[in-house]
Amino acid sequence: MKEILDAFENKDVREQFIADLVSILKDFKSQTENKEKAKEALSKISKHFGLHWDDDKVNMFYRDAYNRYFSEIIDETMVSISSQLTLRN
């Protein structure tokens, strides 16, 4: 968190971060289509905070986000199925 606060105190860093973030968000679907594009987007964002994530760190972040996303979908699907089964009985 300190890295983010420190980075945002610098106007140039803040403006470049916003520009990169906007470019990623404009093409968000494409940026998340595959692992390589997602890794590029994560690396692009992390550099503004002096983090300079290596491939291992980006892979870990990507894997965690991917697992959380699909975990939520599976949970929602299970709740929906459970509700439908309850209504049938």
C-alpha atoms as a PDB file:
ATOM      1  CA  MET A   1       0.000   0.000   0.000  1.00  0.00           C
ATOM      2  CA  LYS A   2       2.898   2.346   0.771  1.00  0.00           C
ATOM      3  CA  GLU A   3       4.208   1.931  -2.770  1.00  0.00           C
ATOM      4  CA  ILE A   4       0.863   3.058  -4.180  1.00  0.00           C
ATOM      5  CA  LEU A   5       0.614   6.104  -1.919  1.00  0.00           C
ATOM      6  CA  ASP A   6       4.191   7.102  -2.685  1.00  0.00           C
ATOM      7  CA  ALA A   7       3.634   6.719  -6.430  1.00  0.00           C
ATOM      8  CA  PHE A   8       0.456   8.790  -6.455  1.00  0.00           C
ATOM      9  CA  GLU A   9       2.214  11.688  -4.750  1.00  0.00           C
ATOM     10  CA  ASN A  10       4.220  12.136  -7.948  1.00  0.00           C
ATOM     11  CA  LYS A  11       2.071  13.903 -10.567  1.00  0.00           C
ATOM     12  CA  ASP A  12       3.954  12.433 -13.563  1.00  0.00           C
ATOM     13  CA  VAL A  13       3.674   8.874 -12.230  1.00  0.00           C
ATOM     14  CA  ARG A  14      -0.002   9.403 -11.412  1.00  0.00           C
ATOM     15  CA  GLU A  15      -0.798  10.739 -14.903  1.00  0.00           C
ATOM     16  CA  GLN A  16       1.097   7.954 -16.678  1.00  0.00           C
ATOM     17  CA  PHE A  17      -0.608   5.342 -14.477  1.00  0.00           C
ATOM     18  CA  ILE A  18      -4.024   6.763 -15.373  1.00  0.00           C
ATOM     19  CA  ALA A  19      -3.143   6.764 -19.078  1.00  0.00           C
ATOM     20  CA  ASP A  20      -2.032   3.120 -18.922  1.00  0.00           C
ATOM     21  CA  LEU A  21      -5.070   2.136 -16.883  1.00  0.00           C
ATOM     22  CA  VAL A  22      -7.438   3.821 -19.339  1.00  0.00           C
ATOM     23  CA  SER A  23      -5.793   2.022 -22.278  1.00  0.00           C
ATOM     24  CA  ILE A  24      -6.176  -1.309 -20.470  1.00  0.00           C
ATOM     25  CA  LEU A  25      -9.796  -0.661 -19.517  1.00  0.00           C
ATOM     26  CA  LYS A  26     -10.738   0.485 -23.040  1.00  0.00           C
ATOM     27  CA  ASP A  27      -9.741  -2.936 -24.345  1.00  0.00           C
ATOM     28  CA  PHE A  28     -10.423  -4.917 -21.154  1.00  0.00           C
ATOM     29  CA  LYS A  29     -11.986  -7.927 -22.855  1.00  0.00           C
ATOM     30  CA  SER A  30      -8.992  -8.317 -25.145  1.00  0.00           C
ATOM     31  CA  GLN A  31      -6.582  -7.732 -22.248  1.00  0.00           C
ATOM     32  CA  THR A  32      -8.092 -10.637 -20.313  1.00  0.00           C
ATOM     33  CA  GLU A  33      -8.545 -13.053 -23.221  1.00  0.00           C
ATOM     34  CA  ASN A  34      -5.387 -14.943 -22.502  1.00  0.00           C
ATOM     35  CA  LYS A  35      -2.695 -15.250 -19.894  1.00  0.00           C
ATOM     36  CA  GLU A  36      -0.008 -13.392 -21.842  1.00  0.00           C
ATOM     37  CA  LYS A  37      -2.145 -10.294 -22.406  1.00  0.00           C
ATOM     38  CA  ALA A  38      -3.253 -10.313 -18.771  1.00  0.00           C
ATOM     39  CA  LYS A  39       0.383 -10.598 -17.667  1.00  0.00           C
ATOM     40  CA  GLU A  40       1.309  -7.627 -19.865  1.00  0.00           C
ATOM     41  CA  ALA A  41      -1.491  -5.543 -18.341  1.00  0.00           C
ATOM     42  CA  LEU A  42      -0.473  -6.477 -14.784  1.00  0.00           C
ATOM     43  CA  SER A  43       3.163  -5.679 -15.497  1.00  0.00           C
ATOM     44  CA  LYS A  44       2.208  -2.359 -17.072  1.00  0.00           C
ATOM     45  CA  ILE A  45       0.260  -1.350 -13.958  1.00  0.00           C
ATOM     46  CA  SER A  46       2.721  -2.652 -11.362  1.00  0.00           C
ATOM     47  CA  LYS A  47       5.689  -0.743 -12.795  1.00  0.00           C
ATOM     48  CA  HIS A  48       4.109   2.578 -11.761  1.00  0.00           C
ATOM     49  CA  PHE A  49       4.421   1.596  -8.126  1.00  0.00           C
ATOM     50  CA  GLY A  50       8.049   0.543  -8.358  1.00  0.00           C
ATOM     51  CA  LEU A  51       7.013  -3.087  -8.005  1.00  0.00           C
ATOM     52  CA  HIS A  52       8.457  -4.367 -11.296  1.00  0.00           C
ATOM     53  CA  TRP A  53       6.820  -7.757 -10.877  1.00  0.00           C
ATOM     54  CA  ASP A  54       8.740 -10.635 -12.382  1.00  0.00           C
ATOM     55  CA  ASP A  55       7.013 -13.466 -14.260  1.00  0.00           C
ATOM     56  CA  ASP A  56       6.594 -15.531 -11.089  1.00  0.00           C
ATOM     57  CA  LYS A  57       4.792 -12.726  -9.248  1.00  0.00           C
ATOM     58  CA  VAL A  58       2.563 -11.916 -12.232  1.00  0.00           C
ATOM     59  CA  ASN A  59       1.772 -15.630 -12.689  1.00  0.00           C
ATOM     60  CA  MET A  60       0.867 -15.940  -9.005  1.00  0.00           C
ATOM     61  CA  PHE A  61      -1.407 -12.866  -9.171  1.00  0.00           C
ATOM     62  CA  TYR A  62      -3.027 -14.081 -12.391  1.00  0.00           C
ATOM     63  CA  ARG A  63      -3.542 -17.593 -11.005  1.00  0.00           C
ATOM     64  CA  ASP A  64      -5.061 -16.242  -7.768  1.00  0.00           C
ATOM     65  CA  ALA A  65      -7.421 -13.903  -9.646  1.00  0.00           C
ATOM     66  CA  TYR A  66      -8.404 -16.687 -12.047  1.00  0.00           C
ATOM     67  CA  ASN A  67      -9.098 -19.077  -9.157  1.00  0.00           C
ATOM     68  CA  ARG A  68     -11.180 -16.486  -7.274  1.00  0.00           C
ATOM     69  CA  TYR A  69     -13.191 -15.683 -10.392  1.00  0.00           C
ATOM     70  CA  PHE A  70     -14.030 -19.295 -11.155  1.00  0.00           C
ATOM     71  CA  SER A  71     -14.597 -20.101  -7.503  1.00  0.00           C
ATOM     72  CA  GLU A  72     -17.293 -17.403  -7.398  1.00  0.00           C
ATOM     73  CA  ILE A  73     -18.904 -18.715 -10.594  1.00  0.00           C
ATOM     74  CA  ILE A  74     -18.926 -22.264  -9.227  1.00  0.00           C
ATOM     75  CA  ASP A  75     -20.383 -21.077  -5.908  1.00  0.00           C
ATOM     76  CA  GLU A  76     -23.126 -19.106  -7.667  1.00  0.00           C
ATOM     77  CA  THR A  77     -23.906 -22.055  -9.926  1.00  0.00           C
ATOM     78  CA  MET A  78     -24.141 -24.436  -6.966  1.00  0.00           C
ATOM     79  CA  VAL A  79     -26.492 -22.076  -5.111  1.00  0.00           C
ATOM     80  CA  SER A  80     -28.658 -21.772  -8.224  1.00  0.00           C
ATOM     81  CA  ILE A  81     -28.795 -25.547  -8.713  1.00  0.00           C
ATOM     82  CA  SER A  82     -29.544 -26.065  -5.036  1.00  0.00           C
ATOM     83  CA  SER A  83     -32.372 -23.521  -5.192  1.00  0.00           C
ATOM     84  CA  GLN A  84     -33.845 -25.157  -8.271  1.00  0.00           C
ATOM     85  CA  LEU A  85     -33.719 -28.602  -6.648  1.00  0.00           C
ATOM     86  CA  THR A  86     -35.369 -27.250  -3.509  1.00  0.00           C
ATOM     87  CA  LEU A  87     -38.163 -25.688  -5.564  1.00  0.00           C
ATOM     88  CA  ARG A  88     -38.806 -28.981  -7.380  1.00  0.00           C
ATOM     89  CA  ASN A  89     -39.202 -30.907  -4.138  1.00  0.00           C
END
